Amino acid sequence: MNGGSLMPQVLKDDIKEKILEKALDNFTDKGYSRTSMKNIAYDTGIAVGNIYRYFRNKEDLFEAVAAPVHDKIIGLFTTADGNGSLADIEKKINEFIEIYHRNRSVFIMLLNNNDSTRFADMTNNIVENFSQALGKWKEKTTGEPNTEDDCIFIKAFSTAYLNGVISILSEPAEESVVSRRLFDF
């Protein structure tokens, strides 16, 4: 009897990376709810059953693609580093743009195609965290607590700003053009 036939197959990193790459393509193009494991299997040239050796289900696969970038984006405005100065806010915005540059496809997928996932509120979370950072900066700058109207205006500005970023990212352009547009914005 051949002892090799009793050994379990070893999961291969290159196959896992190919699955993640094709999953990202599918999630970006079709959104979470319209992507199936069968679509991903077809695009990777791997049997659906083999994909389940790497990921328990579609949700687990989406999590593997999205979570690292999501956590960086959300953590950006929830960390309490800095003193709330305008320079600190500008630094956070530049870090936000840098996350985009390093993870463009995942970034866009998270902002546009995360329906029916735990990431569905990501845009709202970014707005809330950005609003809190701007509110702290405003209080520090003026020396006065924010009024209810201040909070509403800050949230409206944060929402408009994020929508502007999404709009810039959604337009087809070379990376250098997108970078310039984001920086100018």
C-alpha atoms as a PDB file:
ATOM      1  CA  MET A   1       0.000   0.000   0.000  1.00  0.00           C
ATOM      2  CA  ASN A   2       1.293   3.425  -0.873  1.00  0.00           C
ATOM      3  CA  GLY A   3       1.597   5.569   2.250  1.00  0.00           C
ATOM      4  CA  GLY A   4       1.313   8.734   0.172  1.00  0.00           C
ATOM      5  CA  SER A   5      -2.309   8.016  -0.694  1.00  0.00           C
ATOM      6  CA  LEU A   6      -3.289   8.199   2.979  1.00  0.00           C
ATOM      7  CA  MET A   7      -1.752  11.636   3.524  1.00  0.00           C
ATOM      8  CA  PRO A   8      -4.139  14.582   3.351  1.00  0.00           C
ATOM      9  CA  GLN A   9      -3.615  17.008   0.518  1.00  0.00           C
ATOM     10  CA  VAL A  10      -1.791  20.122   1.544  1.00  0.00           C
ATOM     11  CA  LEU A  11      -3.485  23.445   0.877  1.00  0.00           C
ATOM     12  CA  LYS A  12      -1.441  25.503  -1.520  1.00  0.00           C
ATOM     13  CA  ASP A  13      -0.887  29.225  -1.089  1.00  0.00           C
ATOM     14  CA  ASP A  14      -0.878  29.888  -4.832  1.00  0.00           C
ATOM     15  CA  ILE A  15      -4.299  28.250  -5.226  1.00  0.00           C
ATOM     16  CA  LYS A  16      -5.663  30.211  -2.275  1.00  0.00           C
ATOM     17  CA  GLU A  17      -4.337  33.467  -3.767  1.00  0.00           C
ATOM     18  CA  LYS A  18      -5.946  32.631  -7.120  1.00  0.00           C
ATOM     19  CA  ILE A  19      -9.278  32.012  -5.380  1.00  0.00           C
ATOM     20  CA  LEU A  20      -8.991  35.320  -3.492  1.00  0.00           C
ATOM     21  CA  GLU A  21      -8.102  37.188  -6.695  1.00  0.00           C
ATOM     22  CA  LYS A  22     -11.051  35.793  -8.666  1.00  0.00           C
ATOM     23  CA  ALA A  23     -13.390  36.251  -5.707  1.00  0.00           C
ATOM     24  CA  LEU A  24     -12.402  39.926  -5.543  1.00  0.00           C
ATOM     25  CA  ASP A  25     -13.065  40.283  -9.277  1.00  0.00           C
ATOM     26  CA  ASN A  26     -16.514  38.704  -8.892  1.00  0.00           C
ATOM     27  CA  PHE A  27     -17.463  40.643  -5.755  1.00  0.00           C
ATOM     28  CA  THR A  28     -16.336  43.904  -7.371  1.00  0.00           C
ATOM     29  CA  ASP A  29     -18.157  43.287 -10.657  1.00  0.00           C
ATOM     30  CA  LYS A  30     -21.355  41.669  -9.357  1.00  0.00           C
ATOM     31  CA  GLY A  31     -21.600  42.577  -5.702  1.00  0.00           C
ATOM     32  CA  TYR A  32     -21.776  40.111  -2.848  1.00  0.00           C
ATOM     33  CA  SER A  33     -25.328  38.862  -3.317  1.00  0.00           C
ATOM     34  CA  ARG A  34     -24.986  38.164  -7.059  1.00  0.00           C
ATOM     35  CA  THR A  35     -21.668  36.334  -6.745  1.00  0.00           C
ATOM     36  CA  SER A  36     -21.726  32.584  -6.227  1.00  0.00           C
ATOM     37  CA  MET A  37     -19.047  30.112  -5.281  1.00  0.00           C
ATOM     38  CA  LYS A  38     -19.812  28.458  -8.622  1.00  0.00           C
ATOM     39  CA  ASN A  39     -18.882  31.720 -10.455  1.00  0.00           C
ATOM     40  CA  ILE A  40     -15.613  31.920  -8.553  1.00  0.00           C
ATOM     41  CA  ALA A  41     -14.851  28.248  -9.192  1.00  0.00           C
ATOM     42  CA  TYR A  42     -15.472  28.685 -12.909  1.00  0.00           C
ATOM     43  CA  ASP A  43     -13.201  31.735 -13.099  1.00  0.00           C
ATOM     44  CA  THR A  44     -10.396  30.039 -11.186  1.00  0.00           C
ATOM     45  CA  GLY A  45     -10.700  26.742 -13.020  1.00  0.00           C
ATOM     46  CA  ILE A  46     -11.027  24.976  -9.684  1.00  0.00           C
ATOM     47  CA  ALA A  47     -13.829  22.680  -8.605  1.00  0.00           C
ATOM     48  CA  VAL A  48     -16.326  24.273  -6.214  1.00  0.00           C
ATOM     49  CA  GLY A  49     -15.620  21.532  -3.686  1.00  0.00           C
ATOM     50  CA  ASN A  50     -11.941  22.440  -3.701  1.00  0.00           C
ATOM     51  CA  ILE A  51     -12.733  26.071  -2.869  1.00  0.00           C
ATOM     52  CA  TYR A  52     -14.577  24.827   0.230  1.00  0.00           C
ATOM     53  CA  ARG A  53     -11.308  23.267   1.391  1.00  0.00           C
ATOM     54  CA  TYR A  54      -9.954  26.809   1.691  1.00  0.00           C
ATOM     55  CA  PHE A  55     -13.071  28.731   2.760  1.00  0.00           C
ATOM     56  CA  ARG A  56     -16.121  27.495   4.685  1.00  0.00           C
ATOM     57  CA  ASN A  57     -18.583  29.500   2.586  1.00  0.00           C
ATOM     58  CA  LYS A  58     -19.009  32.632   0.483  1.00  0.00           C
ATOM     59  CA  GLU A  59     -19.204  34.819   3.586  1.00  0.00           C
ATOM     60  CA  ASP A  60     -15.884  33.422   4.839  1.00  0.00           C
ATOM     61  CA  LEU A  61     -14.322  34.085   1.426  1.00  0.00           C
ATOM     62  CA  PHE A  62     -15.657  37.660   1.313  1.00  0.00           C
ATOM     63  CA  GLU A  63     -14.331  38.192   4.837  1.00  0.00           C
ATOM     64  CA  ALA A  64     -10.869  37.019   3.770  1.00  0.00           C
ATOM     65  CA  VAL A  65     -10.885  39.473   0.864  1.00  0.00           C
ATOM     66  CA  ALA A  66     -12.408  42.455   2.658  1.00  0.00           C
ATOM     67  CA  ALA A  67     -11.504  42.375   6.357  1.00  0.00           C
ATOM     68  CA  PRO A  68      -7.858  43.494   6.223  1.00  0.00           C
ATOM     69  CA  VAL A  69      -8.653  46.627   4.212  1.00  0.00           C
ATOM     70  CA  HIS A  70     -11.906  47.295   6.081  1.00  0.00           C
ATOM     71  CA  ASP A  71     -10.137  47.144   9.422  1.00  0.00           C
ATOM     72  CA  LYS A  72      -7.453  49.599   8.241  1.00  0.00           C
ATOM     73  CA  ILE A  73     -10.047  52.073   6.979  1.00  0.00           C
ATOM     74  CA  ILE A  74     -12.249  51.916  10.072  1.00  0.00           C
ATOM     75  CA  GLY A  75      -9.259  51.978  12.409  1.00  0.00           C
ATOM     76  CA  LEU A  76      -7.934  55.078  10.733  1.00  0.00           C
ATOM     77  CA  PHE A  77     -10.478  57.427  12.279  1.00  0.00           C
ATOM     78  CA  THR A  78     -11.150  55.469  15.465  1.00  0.00           C
ATOM     79  CA  THR A  79      -7.595  55.599  16.763  1.00  0.00           C
ATOM     80  CA  ALA A  80      -6.953  58.417  19.213  1.00  0.00           C
ATOM     81  CA  ASP A  81      -3.443  59.263  18.068  1.00  0.00           C
ATOM     82  CA  GLY A  82      -2.513  62.906  17.582  1.00  0.00           C
ATOM     83  CA  ASN A  83      -3.946  65.944  19.282  1.00  0.00           C
ATOM     84  CA  GLY A  84      -6.937  66.631  17.034  1.00  0.00           C
ATOM     85  CA  SER A  85      -5.176  69.346  15.048  1.00  0.00           C
ATOM     86  CA  LEU A  86      -5.911  70.092  11.417  1.00  0.00           C
ATOM     87  CA  ALA A  87      -2.526  68.536  10.609  1.00  0.00           C
ATOM     88  CA  ASP A  88      -3.690  65.305  12.291  1.00  0.00           C
ATOM     89  CA  ILE A  89      -6.874  65.280  10.209  1.00  0.00           C
ATOM     90  CA  GLU A  90      -4.876  65.925   7.028  1.00  0.00           C
ATOM     91  CA  LYS A  91      -2.564  63.059   8.006  1.00  0.00           C
ATOM     92  CA  LYS A  92      -5.562  60.754   8.409  1.00  0.00           C
ATOM     93  CA  ILE A  93      -6.924  61.800   5.015  1.00  0.00           C
ATOM     94  CA  ASN A  94      -3.532  61.101   3.427  1.00  0.00           C
ATOM     95  CA  GLU A  95      -3.446  57.682   5.132  1.00  0.00           C
ATOM     96  CA  PHE A  96      -6.969  57.058   3.772  1.00  0.00           C
ATOM     97  CA  ILE A  97      -5.703  57.827   0.261  1.00  0.00           C
ATOM     98  CA  GLU A  98      -2.666  55.581   0.823  1.00  0.00           C
ATOM     99  CA  ILE A  99      -4.937  52.672   1.830  1.00  0.00           C
ATOM    100  CA  TYR A 100      -6.783  53.242  -1.426  1.00  0.00           C
ATOM    101  CA  HIS A 101      -3.552  53.152  -3.437  1.00  0.00           C
ATOM    102  CA  ARG A 102      -2.411  49.896  -1.888  1.00  0.00           C
ATOM    103  CA  ASN A 103      -5.803  48.187  -2.118  1.00  0.00           C
ATOM    104  CA  ARG A 104      -7.743  49.900  -4.899  1.00  0.00           C
ATOM    105  CA  SER A 105      -9.993  46.988  -5.921  1.00  0.00           C
ATOM    106  CA  VAL A 106     -10.862  45.952  -2.381  1.00  0.00           C
ATOM    107  CA  PHE A 107     -11.384  49.582  -1.381  1.00  0.00           C
ATOM    108  CA  ILE A 108     -13.874  50.179  -4.201  1.00  0.00           C
ATOM    109  CA  MET A 109     -15.601  46.858  -3.540  1.00  0.00           C
ATOM    110  CA  LEU A 110     -16.080  47.801   0.106  1.00  0.00           C
ATOM    111  CA  LEU A 111     -17.535  51.192  -0.741  1.00  0.00           C
ATOM    112  CA  ASN A 112     -19.831  49.966  -3.518  1.00  0.00           C
ATOM    113  CA  ASN A 113     -20.499  46.214  -3.373  1.00  0.00           C
ATOM    114  CA  ASN A 114     -20.683  45.095   0.230  1.00  0.00           C
ATOM    115  CA  ASP A 115     -24.427  44.501   0.434  1.00  0.00           C
ATOM    116  CA  SER A 116     -25.632  41.715   2.725  1.00  0.00           C
ATOM    117  CA  THR A 117     -22.303  41.503   4.547  1.00  0.00           C
ATOM    118  CA  ARG A 118     -21.016  42.665   7.905  1.00  0.00           C
ATOM    119  CA  PHE A 119     -19.328  45.483   5.985  1.00  0.00           C
ATOM    120  CA  ALA A 120     -22.617  46.974   4.727  1.00  0.00           C
ATOM    121  CA  ASP A 121     -22.390  49.880   7.204  1.00  0.00           C
ATOM    122  CA  MET A 122     -18.800  50.724   6.366  1.00  0.00           C
ATOM    123  CA  THR A 123     -19.631  54.003   4.640  1.00  0.00           C
ATOM    124  CA  ASN A 124     -21.738  55.096   7.622  1.00  0.00           C
ATOM    125  CA  ASN A 125     -18.962  54.064  10.005  1.00  0.00           C
ATOM    126  CA  ILE A 126     -16.425  56.133   8.074  1.00  0.00           C
ATOM    127  CA  VAL A 127     -18.765  59.143   8.116  1.00  0.00           C
ATOM    128  CA  GLU A 128     -19.354  58.767  11.865  1.00  0.00           C
ATOM    129  CA  ASN A 129     -15.665  58.404  12.674  1.00  0.00           C
ATOM    130  CA  PHE A 130     -14.650  61.271  10.365  1.00  0.00           C
ATOM    131  CA  SER A 131     -17.393  63.440  11.896  1.00  0.00           C
ATOM    132  CA  GLN A 132     -16.100  62.728  15.393  1.00  0.00           C
ATOM    133  CA  ALA A 133     -12.551  63.642  14.358  1.00  0.00           C
ATOM    134  CA  LEU A 134     -13.735  66.894  12.754  1.00  0.00           C
ATOM    135  CA  GLY A 135     -15.935  67.667  15.766  1.00  0.00           C
ATOM    136  CA  LYS A 136     -12.968  67.285  18.115  1.00  0.00           C
ATOM    137  CA  TRP A 137     -10.876  69.503  15.871  1.00  0.00           C
ATOM    138  CA  LYS A 138     -13.611  72.171  15.778  1.00  0.00           C
ATOM    139  CA  GLU A 139     -13.972  72.147  19.584  1.00  0.00           C
ATOM    140  CA  LYS A 140     -10.224  72.365  20.037  1.00  0.00           C
ATOM    141  CA  THR A 141      -9.888  75.167  17.505  1.00  0.00           C
ATOM    142  CA  THR A 142     -12.758  77.296  18.808  1.00  0.00           C
ATOM    143  CA  GLY A 143     -12.536  76.350  22.468  1.00  0.00           C
ATOM    144  CA  GLU A 144     -16.311  75.879  22.483  1.00  0.00           C
ATOM    145  CA  PRO A 145     -18.400  72.715  22.632  1.00  0.00           C
ATOM    146  CA  ASN A 146     -20.210  71.694  19.470  1.00  0.00           C
ATOM    147  CA  THR A 147     -23.863  72.629  19.272  1.00  0.00           C
ATOM    148  CA  GLU A 148     -26.501  70.350  17.802  1.00  0.00           C
ATOM    149  CA  ASP A 149     -26.324  72.379  14.575  1.00  0.00           C
ATOM    150  CA  ASP A 150     -22.506  72.049  14.516  1.00  0.00           C
ATOM    151  CA  CYS A 151     -22.829  68.271  14.763  1.00  0.00           C
ATOM    152  CA  ILE A 152     -25.381  68.182  11.935  1.00  0.00           C
ATOM    153  CA  PHE A 153     -23.214  70.372   9.684  1.00  0.00           C
ATOM    154  CA  ILE A 154     -20.078  68.366  10.493  1.00  0.00           C
ATOM    155  CA  LYS A 155     -21.883  65.123   9.651  1.00  0.00           C
ATOM    156  CA  ALA A 156     -23.222  66.630   6.415  1.00  0.00           C
ATOM    157  CA  PHE A 157     -19.704  67.754   5.478  1.00  0.00           C
ATOM    158  CA  SER A 158     -18.264  64.317   6.302  1.00  0.00           C
ATOM    159  CA  THR A 159     -20.937  62.613   4.193  1.00  0.00           C
ATOM    160  CA  ALA A 160     -20.341  64.968   1.271  1.00  0.00           C
ATOM    161  CA  TYR A 161     -16.588  64.517   1.551  1.00  0.00           C
ATOM    162  CA  LEU A 162     -16.789  60.715   1.512  1.00  0.00           C
ATOM    163  CA  ASN A 163     -19.244  60.802  -1.399  1.00  0.00           C
ATOM    164  CA  GLY A 164     -16.800  63.061  -3.228  1.00  0.00           C
ATOM    165  CA  VAL A 165     -13.991  60.564  -2.614  1.00  0.00           C
ATOM    166  CA  ILE A 166     -16.189  57.712  -3.855  1.00  0.00           C
ATOM    167  CA  SER A 167     -17.119  59.743  -6.941  1.00  0.00           C
ATOM    168  CA  ILE A 168     -13.455  60.420  -7.731  1.00  0.00           C
ATOM    169  CA  LEU A 169     -12.551  56.759  -7.229  1.00  0.00           C
ATOM    170  CA  SER A 170     -15.421  55.593  -9.426  1.00  0.00           C
ATOM    171  CA  GLU A 171     -14.293  57.551 -12.476  1.00  0.00           C
ATOM    172  CA  PRO A 172     -11.978  55.595 -14.785  1.00  0.00           C
ATOM    173  CA  ALA A 173      -8.525  57.186 -14.818  1.00  0.00           C
ATOM    174  CA  GLU A 174      -4.869  56.337 -14.439  1.00  0.00           C
ATOM    175  CA  GLU A 175      -3.628  56.024 -10.866  1.00  0.00           C
ATOM    176  CA  SER A 176      -1.607  59.232 -11.120  1.00  0.00           C
ATOM    177  CA  VAL A 177      -4.720  61.156 -12.188  1.00  0.00           C
ATOM    178  CA  VAL A 178      -6.806  59.643  -9.395  1.00  0.00           C
ATOM    179  CA  SER A 179      -4.087  60.532  -6.886  1.00  0.00           C
ATOM    180  CA  ARG A 180      -3.959  64.117  -8.069  1.00  0.00           C
ATOM    181  CA  ARG A 181      -7.742  64.408  -7.974  1.00  0.00           C
ATOM    182  CA  LEU A 182      -7.904  63.002  -4.451  1.00  0.00           C
ATOM    183  CA  PHE A 183      -5.129  65.282  -3.261  1.00  0.00           C
ATOM    184  CA  ASP A 184      -6.749  68.335  -4.880  1.00  0.00           C
ATOM    185  CA  PHE A 185     -10.112  67.413  -3.396  1.00  0.00           C
END
